[in-house]
Protein backbone atom coordinates (compact mmCIF):
# COMPACT_ATOMS: atom_id res chain seq x y z
CA MET A 1 0.00 -0.01 0.01
CA LEU A 2 1.43 3.36 -1.11
CA PRO A 3 -0.11 6.65 -0.08
CA LEU A 4 -0.75 8.18 -3.48
CA GLY A 5 -4.31 9.45 -2.87
CA THR A 6 -5.42 13.04 -2.08
CA LEU A 7 -6.33 12.63 1.57
CA ASN A 8 -4.82 9.14 2.19
CA HIS A 9 -7.45 8.07 4.78
CA PHE A 10 -6.76 4.44 4.10
CA ALA A 11 -2.99 4.74 4.54
CA LYS A 12 -3.38 6.82 7.70
CA ASP A 13 -5.82 4.20 9.15
CA LEU A 14 -3.21 1.53 8.44
CA LYS A 15 -0.50 3.64 10.06
CA ILE A 16 1.46 3.67 6.81
CA PRO A 17 3.91 6.54 6.46
CA LEU A 18 2.65 9.29 4.20
CA GLU A 19 6.11 10.11 2.70
CA LEU A 20 6.59 7.96 -0.38
CA GLU A 21 10.16 6.84 0.48
CA ALA A 22 9.16 5.78 4.02
CA ALA A 23 6.06 4.01 2.63
CA VAL A 24 8.24 2.06 0.18
CA ALA A 25 10.62 1.14 3.02
CA ASN A 26 7.57 0.06 5.04
CA ILE A 27 6.89 -2.73 2.40
CA PHE A 28 10.10 -4.35 3.57
CA THR A 29 10.09 -3.48 7.25
CA GLY A 30 6.35 -3.09 8.12
CA ARG A 31 3.96 -5.61 9.38
CA VAL A 32 1.35 -7.72 7.65
CA THR A 33 -2.26 -7.22 8.73
CA GLN A 34 -5.62 -8.44 7.64
CA ILE A 35 -8.43 -6.08 6.72
CA ASP A 36 -12.02 -6.46 5.72
CA VAL A 37 -13.05 -6.23 2.06
CA GLY A 38 -16.41 -4.72 1.38
CA GLU A 39 -18.65 -5.39 -1.65
CA VAL A 40 -21.23 -3.28 -3.39
CA ASN A 41 -23.19 -4.73 -6.34
CA GLY A 42 -20.64 -7.52 -6.69
CA ARG A 43 -17.63 -5.20 -6.84
CA PRO A 44 -15.05 -5.37 -4.03
CA PHE A 45 -13.62 -2.28 -2.24
CA LEU A 46 -11.09 -1.71 0.48
CA ASN A 47 -11.69 1.84 1.59
CA ASN A 48 -15.14 3.02 0.56
CA SER A 49 -17.68 3.03 -2.25
CA SER A 50 -19.99 5.91 -3.12
CA LEU A 51 -22.67 6.93 -5.56
CA GLY A 52 -24.10 10.37 -6.46
CA ILE A 53 -22.65 13.80 -5.70
CA TYR A 54 -19.62 12.67 -3.67
CA PRO A 55 -17.82 10.74 -6.41
CA PHE A 56 -18.73 13.65 -8.80
CA ILE A 57 -17.02 16.06 -6.42
CA VAL A 58 -13.97 13.82 -6.22
CA ARG A 59 -13.71 13.61 -10.03
CA GLN A 60 -14.13 17.41 -10.36
CA ARG A 61 -11.50 18.06 -7.62
CA GLU A 62 -8.95 15.81 -9.35
CA LYS A 63 -9.69 17.61 -12.62
CA GLN A 64 -9.08 21.01 -10.93
CA GLN A 65 -5.90 19.72 -9.24
CA SER A 66 -4.56 18.54 -12.57
CA LYS A 67 -4.88 22.22 -13.75
CA GLY A 68 -2.58 23.21 -10.93
CA HIS A 69 -5.08 24.24 -8.22
CA GLY A 70 -4.24 23.40 -4.61
CA LYS A 71 -6.25 20.66 -2.77
CA TRP A 72 -8.71 23.00 -0.99
CA ILE A 73 -9.17 25.49 -3.85
CA ALA A 74 -9.86 22.49 -6.10
CA PHE A 75 -12.37 21.05 -3.59
CA ALA A 76 -14.24 24.37 -3.30
CA GLU A 77 -14.43 24.66 -7.12
CA ALA A 78 -15.53 21.05 -7.37
CA ALA A 79 -18.17 21.44 -4.70
CA TRP A 80 -19.58 24.58 -6.37
CA ARG A 81 -19.75 22.85 -9.75
CA SER A 82 -21.32 19.77 -8.28
CA LEU A 83 -24.07 21.77 -6.50
CA LEU A 84 -24.95 23.47 -9.77
CA ARG A 85 -25.43 20.04 -11.46
CA TYR A 86 -26.85 18.12 -8.52
CA SER A 87 -29.63 15.66 -9.13
CA PRO A 88 -30.72 13.36 -6.40
CA LEU A 89 -30.54 9.54 -6.46
CA TYR A 90 -33.45 7.28 -5.66
CA VAL A 91 -32.07 4.34 -3.71
CA ASN A 92 -33.45 1.11 -2.42
CA LEU A 93 -31.07 -0.30 0.19
CA GLN A 94 -31.43 -3.78 1.59
CA ILE A 95 -29.37 -4.82 4.61
CA ASP A 96 -28.78 -8.60 4.92
CA GLY A 97 -31.72 -9.14 2.63
CA GLN A 98 -34.19 -7.92 5.21
CA HIS A 99 -34.36 -4.24 6.25
CA GLU A 100 -35.22 -2.02 3.36
CA ILE A 101 -34.79 1.73 2.98
CA ALA A 102 -36.14 3.51 -0.08
CA ASP A 103 -35.56 7.19 -0.35
CA GLU A 104 -34.16 10.12 -2.40
CA THR A 105 -30.63 11.20 -1.44
CA PRO A 106 -27.70 13.31 -2.76
CA PHE A 107 -25.28 10.49 -2.26
CA VAL A 108 -24.71 7.01 -0.82
CA PHE A 109 -21.39 6.41 0.99
CA ILE A 110 -20.49 2.88 2.15
CA GLY A 111 -17.35 2.76 4.32
CA ASN A 112 -15.26 -0.26 5.17
CA ASN A 113 -15.83 -0.15 8.95
CA ARG A 114 -16.90 2.85 11.06
CA TYR A 115 -15.69 6.35 10.14
CA GLU A 116 -15.52 8.96 12.92
CA LEU A 117 -18.05 11.56 12.03
CA SER A 118 -17.22 14.37 14.54
CA GLY A 119 -14.45 16.03 16.51
CA LEU A 120 -10.73 16.11 15.72
CA HIS A 121 -10.68 12.57 14.32
CA ILE A 122 -13.37 12.98 11.66
CA GLY A 123 -12.73 10.63 8.74
CA GLU A 124 -10.54 8.26 10.75
CA ARG A 125 -11.27 4.62 11.62
CA ALA A 126 -10.23 2.78 14.74
CA SER A 127 -10.38 -0.52 12.96
CA LEU A 128 -10.38 -1.99 9.50
CA ASP A 129 -11.24 -5.54 10.57
CA ALA A 130 -14.45 -5.17 12.71
CA GLY A 131 -16.64 -6.74 9.97
CA LYS A 132 -18.89 -3.67 9.63
CA LEU A 133 -19.91 -1.52 6.64
């Protein structure tokens, strides 16, 4: 695992060094650990899977960054563009084939284990092997 993403949540949660040289050295000196693999519509994922406005914002942010904009300026531009083009999703969510939720939403985000949603640790996960989506 090399930290080549924008925010590197996955690498941070695995305690992998964010500097590329140290991360490469970690391949040889680090530890092996097991993590959960999630699945959405038959497609596996390690970190998260999302539909709707969130992946659109990510694609737009990457496009702005490729034009030389910094991470946060690119994010602001991407969020603005996304809000102008926003169209809600209608989702039907089944959990373990039983509980069903049907509603309209701007996005669906499925994370591999529990993300912190508040405080100083927002976006972090205490575990990647708790067996939870």
